[in-house]
């Protein structure tokens, strides 16, 4: 597994195990089995895990995993494990958010993760019209300087707001954002601006909720309701970049590349993003270890110039998605924003 440093004291695996699919809204979770799955990932080389305060039950699972890993592997091995979490204040709370609210969120994450200090806290802010976003970052930075947080990152900030945070003196080490062969909005401005400020990109959605996979190759466009909100979200992206025919052309190109490498479409799609400039890691969602071998293969797959040219030839026909990073999703009255859930911490 390739590894990379976001900071001198923060080395991560370039494939990160995402925790979203272990959240309570995705069906029953066997806690003991989930911990064993995370142990298998860590032993195989995926030593970085992504969670969030809004992923119901996930921080608790990660805390149980950390305790078990310490028991089985020892303190030196645990030091290689990095757990990233998020601070996502509810939309309804934003106009009256206080420093105390942020501190309570961090303290809650510390308890759930059974940690003395959080490795990386990534702030998400739903609505820039709620003016406290910069204050919230500075409050988190105060907690960093107080020793409760080692490093700060952002989640889904656009380029202008990311730059304002860093230029305002807050040392972001990373920005987590959606980036795939279908969604290349980070290439417009974020990638260069982040690189200029030493901010690494941590990318989710590299397989578009599973659409960029062999199961969809050659299939007709779905007509009925999709299985989950994630597929709805990424189908909108497919529609906007050129529709089902272009999507199938991309899958066919990815399949040809996969055949040359003895791989599969999803692995090629993630490896292609991992190879992009400025990308430190890709985040793969997993409910269990069933796809562990494929996840490990992402960082091993070396795509050559011919592979990338074949993929880019199809993408040259794609339409450019509107706006900067997450701007479509931030419009609560638009097609992309209307399917989002904005108050997931309510009552937590």
Protein backbone atom coordinates (compact mmCIF):
# COMPACT_ATOMS: atom_id res chain seq x y z
CA UNK A 1 0.00 0.00 0.00
CA UNK A 2 1.38 3.38 -0.99
CA UNK A 3 1.63 5.91 1.80
CA UNK A 4 1.89 9.70 1.82
CA UNK A 5 2.41 12.44 4.40
CA UNK A 6 -0.17 15.17 4.83
CA UNK A 7 2.10 16.66 7.49
CA UNK A 8 5.42 15.61 9.03
CA UNK A 9 3.59 13.71 11.79
CA UNK A 10 0.60 12.54 9.73
CA UNK A 11 1.25 9.71 7.29
CA UNK A 12 -1.72 7.99 5.69
CA UNK A 13 -2.43 5.08 3.36
CA UNK A 14 -3.33 6.33 -0.12
CA UNK A 15 -6.49 4.25 0.02
CA UNK A 16 -8.71 5.27 2.95
CA UNK A 17 -11.47 3.06 4.34
CA UNK A 18 -14.64 5.17 4.38
CA UNK A 19 -17.15 4.73 7.17
CA UNK A 20 -20.30 6.13 5.57
CA UNK A 21 -21.69 2.72 4.58
CA UNK A 22 -21.43 1.52 8.18
CA UNK A 23 -23.73 4.30 9.37
CA UNK A 24 -27.06 3.37 10.90
CA UNK A 25 -29.12 4.34 7.87
CA UNK A 26 -27.61 1.58 5.72
CA UNK A 27 -29.04 -1.43 7.53
CA UNK A 28 -28.10 -3.40 10.62
CA UNK A 29 -24.43 -3.42 11.54
CA UNK A 30 -22.77 -6.28 13.42
CA UNK A 31 -20.36 -4.32 15.63
CA UNK A 32 -18.02 -7.24 16.36
CA UNK A 33 -17.81 -8.17 12.67
CA UNK A 34 -17.24 -4.53 11.71
CA UNK A 35 -14.29 -4.29 14.11
CA UNK A 36 -12.81 -7.51 12.71
CA UNK A 37 -13.19 -6.14 9.17
CA UNK A 38 -11.32 -2.99 10.17
CA UNK A 39 -8.57 -5.08 11.75
CA UNK A 40 -8.20 -6.97 8.46
CA UNK A 41 -7.97 -3.70 6.54
CA UNK A 42 -5.33 -2.30 8.85
CA UNK A 43 -3.25 -5.49 8.78
CA UNK A 44 -3.40 -5.46 4.97
CA UNK A 45 -2.11 -1.89 4.78
CA UNK A 46 -5.19 0.34 4.71
CA UNK A 47 -4.36 2.13 7.94
CA UNK A 48 -6.46 5.27 7.50
CA UNK A 49 -10.17 5.43 8.29
CA UNK A 50 -12.71 8.15 7.57
CA UNK A 51 -15.71 8.84 9.76
CA UNK A 52 -17.91 11.74 10.80
CA UNK A 53 -20.01 12.95 13.68
CA UNK A 54 -23.08 12.56 11.42
CA UNK A 55 -22.36 8.92 10.50
CA UNK A 56 -24.57 7.31 13.13
CA UNK A 57 -22.61 4.81 15.21
CA UNK A 58 -19.44 4.99 13.10
CA UNK A 59 -17.24 6.94 15.51
CA UNK A 60 -18.16 4.42 18.22
CA UNK A 61 -17.18 1.55 15.92
CA UNK A 62 -13.88 3.24 15.12
CA UNK A 63 -13.26 3.72 18.83
CA UNK A 64 -13.88 0.03 19.48
CA UNK A 65 -11.54 -0.84 16.62
CA UNK A 66 -8.78 1.41 18.01
CA UNK A 67 -9.08 -0.21 21.44
CA UNK A 68 -8.99 -3.71 19.96
CA UNK A 69 -6.06 -2.87 17.70
CA UNK A 70 -4.09 -1.52 20.66
CA UNK A 71 -4.84 -4.69 22.60
CA UNK A 72 -3.77 -7.01 19.76
CA UNK A 73 -0.99 -5.10 18.01
CA UNK A 74 0.39 -2.68 20.59
CA UNK A 75 0.97 1.05 20.85
CA UNK A 76 3.58 1.25 18.07
CA UNK A 77 1.19 -0.32 15.56
CA UNK A 78 -1.70 1.87 16.72
CA UNK A 79 0.43 4.95 16.03
CA UNK A 80 0.26 4.09 12.31
CA UNK A 81 -3.52 4.10 12.40
CA UNK A 82 -5.04 7.46 11.47
CA UNK A 83 -8.72 8.19 12.01
CA UNK A 84 -10.20 11.18 10.21
CA UNK A 85 -13.52 12.52 11.40
CA UNK A 86 -15.74 15.45 10.52
CA UNK A 87 -17.49 18.28 12.28
CA UNK A 88 -20.80 18.88 10.47
CA UNK A 89 -23.04 21.36 12.30
CA UNK A 90 -26.69 21.03 11.34
CA UNK A 91 -28.01 23.54 8.84
CA UNK A 92 -30.60 24.78 11.34
CA UNK A 93 -27.88 25.43 13.92
CA UNK A 94 -25.57 27.48 11.71
CA UNK A 95 -27.07 30.94 12.42
CA UNK A 96 -26.61 30.49 16.17
CA UNK A 97 -23.53 28.23 16.28
CA UNK A 98 -21.13 29.02 19.13
CA UNK A 99 -17.61 28.12 20.12
CA UNK A 100 -19.10 25.96 22.88
CA UNK A 101 -21.08 23.97 20.27
CA UNK A 102 -17.89 23.23 18.35
CA UNK A 103 -16.08 22.25 21.56
CA UNK A 104 -18.90 19.87 22.52
CA UNK A 105 -18.74 18.23 19.09
CA UNK A 106 -15.00 17.68 19.42
CA UNK A 107 -15.32 16.34 22.97
CA UNK A 108 -18.04 13.94 21.82
CA UNK A 109 -15.82 12.66 19.02
CA UNK A 110 -12.96 12.19 21.47
CA UNK A 111 -15.19 10.06 23.71
CA UNK A 112 -16.57 8.01 20.85
CA UNK A 113 -13.14 7.40 19.31
CA UNK A 114 -11.58 6.69 22.73
CA UNK A 115 -8.79 9.12 21.89
CA UNK A 116 -6.88 11.81 23.74
CA UNK A 117 -6.41 13.81 20.55
CA UNK A 118 -8.22 13.68 17.20
CA UNK A 119 -5.92 12.96 14.25
CA UNK A 120 -7.80 15.09 11.72
CA UNK A 121 -11.05 17.04 11.99
CA UNK A 122 -12.68 18.14 8.74
CA UNK A 123 -15.26 20.92 8.86
CA UNK A 124 -18.30 20.93 6.58
CA UNK A 125 -20.47 24.04 6.24
CA UNK A 126 -23.85 23.78 4.56
CA UNK A 127 -24.66 27.40 3.73
CA UNK A 128 -22.21 30.23 3.11
CA UNK A 129 -25.04 32.73 3.69
CA UNK A 130 -24.80 31.69 7.35
CA UNK A 131 -21.80 33.87 8.18
CA UNK A 132 -20.05 31.84 10.89
CA UNK A 133 -18.02 29.49 8.71
CA UNK A 134 -14.72 31.29 9.18
CA UNK A 135 -15.27 31.70 12.93
CA UNK A 136 -16.02 27.97 13.19
CA UNK A 137 -12.70 27.11 11.54
CA UNK A 138 -10.86 29.41 13.95
CA UNK A 139 -12.65 27.82 16.90
CA UNK A 140 -11.45 24.44 15.70
CA UNK A 141 -7.97 25.88 15.36
CA UNK A 142 -8.10 27.01 18.99
CA UNK A 143 -8.88 23.42 19.97
CA UNK A 144 -5.97 22.29 17.81
CA UNK A 145 -3.63 24.62 19.65
CA UNK A 146 -5.10 23.40 22.93
CA UNK A 147 -4.05 19.83 22.04
CA UNK A 148 -7.44 18.26 21.33
CA UNK A 149 -6.88 18.10 17.55
CA UNK A 150 -3.65 17.41 15.65
CA UNK A 151 -4.65 18.60 12.21
CA UNK A 152 -7.50 20.38 10.46
CA UNK A 153 -9.09 19.81 7.09
CA UNK A 154 -12.20 20.82 5.24
CA UNK A 155 -14.97 18.92 3.51
CA UNK A 156 -16.69 20.21 0.37
CA UNK A 157 -15.53 23.82 0.64
CA UNK A 158 -15.23 25.56 -2.70
CA UNK A 159 -11.98 27.12 -3.87
CA UNK A 160 -12.68 30.66 -2.71
CA UNK A 161 -13.62 29.66 0.81
CA UNK A 162 -10.75 27.16 1.11
CA UNK A 163 -8.31 29.88 0.10
CA UNK A 164 -9.82 32.33 2.57
CA UNK A 165 -9.37 29.85 5.42
CA UNK A 166 -5.72 29.11 4.67
CA UNK A 167 -4.85 32.69 3.76
CA UNK A 168 -6.49 33.72 7.03
CA UNK A 169 -3.93 31.72 9.00
CA UNK A 170 -5.63 28.37 9.62
CA UNK A 171 -3.30 25.52 8.55
CA UNK A 172 -5.56 23.15 6.62
CA UNK A 173 -3.71 20.01 5.58
CA UNK A 174 -6.47 18.53 3.43
CA UNK A 175 -9.74 19.07 1.61
CA UNK A 176 -12.13 16.15 1.23
CA UNK A 177 -14.20 16.45 -1.92
CA UNK A 178 -16.04 14.55 -4.62
CA UNK A 179 -13.73 13.72 -7.54
CA UNK A 180 -14.20 11.08 -10.19
CA UNK A 181 -13.83 10.58 -13.93
CA UNK A 182 -17.42 11.82 -14.16
CA UNK A 183 -17.07 14.72 -11.71
CA UNK A 184 -13.95 16.71 -12.51
CA UNK A 185 -14.96 20.00 -10.90
CA UNK A 186 -11.82 20.00 -8.68
CA UNK A 187 -9.72 20.43 -11.83
CA UNK A 188 -11.24 23.85 -12.57
CA UNK A 189 -9.65 25.82 -9.75
CA UNK A 190 -9.41 23.83 -6.52
CA UNK A 191 -6.54 21.58 -7.52
CA UNK A 192 -4.13 24.40 -8.33
CA UNK A 193 -5.23 26.63 -5.44
CA UNK A 194 -4.92 23.77 -2.94
CA UNK A 195 -1.48 22.78 -4.22
CA UNK A 196 -0.29 26.37 -3.90
CA UNK A 197 -1.33 26.32 -0.23
CA UNK A 198 -0.05 22.85 0.69
CA UNK A 199 -3.55 21.39 0.94
CA UNK A 200 -3.87 17.76 -0.17
CA UNK A 201 -7.03 16.37 -1.78
CA UNK A 202 -8.83 13.40 -0.22
CA UNK A 203 -11.33 12.15 -2.77
CA UNK A 204 -14.64 10.38 -2.33
CA UNK A 205 -17.09 9.25 -5.00
CA UNK A 206 -14.36 7.84 -7.25
CA UNK A 207 -16.67 5.00 -8.34
CA UNK A 208 -19.77 7.22 -8.37
CA UNK A 209 -21.66 5.22 -5.79
CA UNK A 210 -20.94 2.01 -7.70
CA UNK A 211 -21.99 3.23 -11.15
CA UNK A 212 -18.35 3.06 -12.28
CA UNK A 213 -18.28 -0.72 -11.99
CA UNK A 214 -18.66 -3.80 -14.15
CA UNK A 215 -22.24 -4.44 -13.07
CA UNK A 216 -23.44 -1.44 -15.10
CA UNK A 217 -21.52 -2.17 -18.31
CA UNK A 218 -23.95 -2.90 -21.14
CA UNK A 219 -27.03 -2.31 -19.01
CA UNK A 220 -29.89 -0.12 -20.13
CA UNK A 221 -30.58 3.13 -18.37
CA UNK A 222 -32.54 2.51 -15.15
CA UNK A 223 -36.15 3.60 -15.42
CA UNK A 224 -37.56 2.86 -11.99
CA UNK A 225 -36.49 4.10 -8.57
CA UNK A 226 -32.84 3.50 -7.75
CA UNK A 227 -31.78 1.41 -4.75
CA UNK A 228 -30.50 4.25 -2.58
CA UNK A 229 -29.95 8.00 -2.35
CA UNK A 230 -26.29 7.60 -3.31
CA UNK A 231 -27.21 6.15 -6.70
CA UNK A 232 -29.76 8.93 -7.21
CA UNK A 233 -27.05 11.47 -6.47
CA UNK A 234 -24.55 10.05 -8.95
CA UNK A 235 -27.16 9.37 -11.65
CA UNK A 236 -27.74 13.12 -11.70
CA UNK A 237 -24.02 13.57 -12.38
CA UNK A 238 -24.20 11.04 -15.25
CA UNK A 239 -27.16 12.93 -16.73
CA UNK A 240 -25.37 16.26 -16.53
CA UNK A 241 -22.06 15.18 -18.09
CA UNK A 242 -23.62 13.64 -21.19
CA UNK A 243 -26.16 10.98 -20.39
CA UNK A 244 -26.29 7.20 -20.49
CA UNK A 245 -24.67 6.70 -23.90
CA UNK A 246 -21.54 8.63 -22.93
CA UNK A 247 -21.49 6.82 -19.59
CA UNK A 248 -21.56 3.45 -21.36
CA UNK A 249 -18.74 4.57 -23.67
CA UNK A 250 -16.68 5.44 -20.59
CA UNK A 251 -17.40 2.06 -18.99
CA UNK A 252 -16.35 0.30 -22.21
CA UNK A 253 -13.07 2.24 -22.29
CA UNK A 254 -12.44 1.43 -18.63
CA UNK A 255 -13.16 -2.24 -19.30
CA UNK A 256 -10.56 -2.32 -22.08
CA UNK A 257 -7.99 -0.73 -19.76
CA UNK A 258 -8.94 -3.19 -17.01
CA UNK A 259 -8.48 -6.11 -19.40
CA UNK A 260 -4.93 -4.99 -20.16
CA UNK A 261 -4.11 -5.00 -16.44
CA UNK A 262 -6.14 -7.99 -15.30
CA UNK A 263 -8.26 -5.64 -13.21
CA UNK A 264 -11.84 -4.36 -13.01
CA UNK A 265 -13.63 -1.12 -13.87
CA UNK A 266 -13.97 0.17 -10.30
CA UNK A 267 -10.28 -0.32 -9.54
CA UNK A 268 -9.26 1.45 -12.76
CA UNK A 269 -11.66 4.34 -12.07
CA UNK A 270 -10.24 4.89 -8.58
CA UNK A 271 -6.63 4.45 -9.71
CA UNK A 272 -7.16 7.06 -12.42
CA UNK A 273 -8.22 9.60 -9.79
CA UNK A 274 -5.42 8.60 -7.43
CA UNK A 275 -2.96 9.37 -10.24
CA UNK A 276 -4.32 12.90 -10.69
CA UNK A 277 -2.15 15.81 -9.61
CA UNK A 278 -2.71 16.92 -6.03
CA UNK A 279 -4.62 13.81 -4.97
CA UNK A 280 -3.22 12.31 -1.77
CA UNK A 281 -5.75 9.52 -1.30
CA UNK A 282 -9.04 8.05 -2.44
CA UNK A 283 -11.76 7.07 0.02
CA UNK A 284 -13.50 3.75 -0.62
CA UNK A 285 -16.77 2.96 1.10
CA UNK A 286 -17.16 -0.55 2.46
CA UNK A 287 -19.61 -2.35 4.74
CA UNK A 288 -17.23 -5.29 5.14
CA UNK A 289 -13.97 -6.75 3.84
CA UNK A 290 -15.52 -8.38 0.76
CA UNK A 291 -13.75 -5.93 -1.58
CA UNK A 292 -10.52 -5.64 0.40
CA UNK A 293 -8.34 -7.20 -2.29
CA UNK A 294 -9.75 -4.84 -4.93
CA UNK A 295 -9.30 -1.85 -2.62
CA UNK A 296 -5.66 -2.78 -2.02
CA UNK A 297 -5.12 -3.08 -5.76
CA UNK A 298 -5.98 0.59 -6.36
CA UNK A 299 -2.61 1.90 -5.26
CA UNK A 300 -0.75 -0.91 -7.06
CA UNK A 301 -2.34 -0.26 -10.45
CA UNK A 302 0.01 1.86 -12.56
CA UNK A 303 -1.90 3.29 -15.51
CA UNK A 304 0.32 4.29 -18.42
CA UNK A 305 -0.03 7.11 -20.94
CA UNK A 306 -1.96 4.90 -23.37
CA UNK A 307 -4.45 3.96 -20.65
CA UNK A 308 -5.05 7.57 -19.69
CA UNK A 309 -5.32 8.63 -23.34
CA UNK A 310 -8.04 6.02 -23.93
CA UNK A 311 -10.01 7.27 -20.94
CA UNK A 312 -9.49 10.95 -21.77
CA UNK A 313 -10.65 10.39 -25.36
CA UNK A 314 -14.11 9.53 -24.04
CA UNK A 315 -14.09 12.27 -21.44
CA UNK A 316 -13.32 14.82 -24.17
CA UNK A 317 -16.95 14.36 -25.26
CA UNK A 318 -18.32 14.99 -21.75
CA UNK A 319 -19.98 18.21 -20.72
CA UNK A 320 -18.42 20.24 -17.93
CA UNK A 321 -20.34 20.16 -14.68
CA UNK A 322 -21.59 23.54 -13.60
CA UNK A 323 -19.80 25.50 -10.87
CA UNK A 324 -17.02 24.82 -8.40
CA UNK A 325 -16.64 21.98 -5.93
CA UNK A 326 -20.00 21.14 -4.30
CA UNK A 327 -21.81 24.19 -5.71
CA UNK A 328 -24.56 22.07 -7.30
CA UNK A 329 -25.16 20.21 -4.05
CA UNK A 330 -25.15 23.43 -2.05
CA UNK A 331 -28.20 24.74 -3.92
CA UNK A 332 -30.97 23.32 -1.75
CA UNK A 333 -33.63 24.11 -4.37
CA UNK A 334 -31.77 22.50 -7.26
CA UNK A 335 -31.88 18.89 -8.47
CA UNK A 336 -28.66 17.96 -6.67
CA UNK A 337 -29.27 19.77 -3.39
CA UNK A 338 -32.89 18.71 -2.97
CA UNK A 339 -31.91 15.11 -2.18
CA UNK A 340 -29.43 16.04 0.58
CA UNK A 341 -30.10 15.68 4.31
CA UNK A 342 -29.01 18.76 6.23
CA UNK A 343 -29.73 18.14 9.90
CA UNK A 344 -28.22 14.74 10.60
CA UNK A 345 -26.86 15.62 14.04
CA UNK A 346 -30.26 16.66 15.37
CA UNK A 347 -30.96 14.83 18.61
CA UNK A 348 -27.61 12.99 18.54
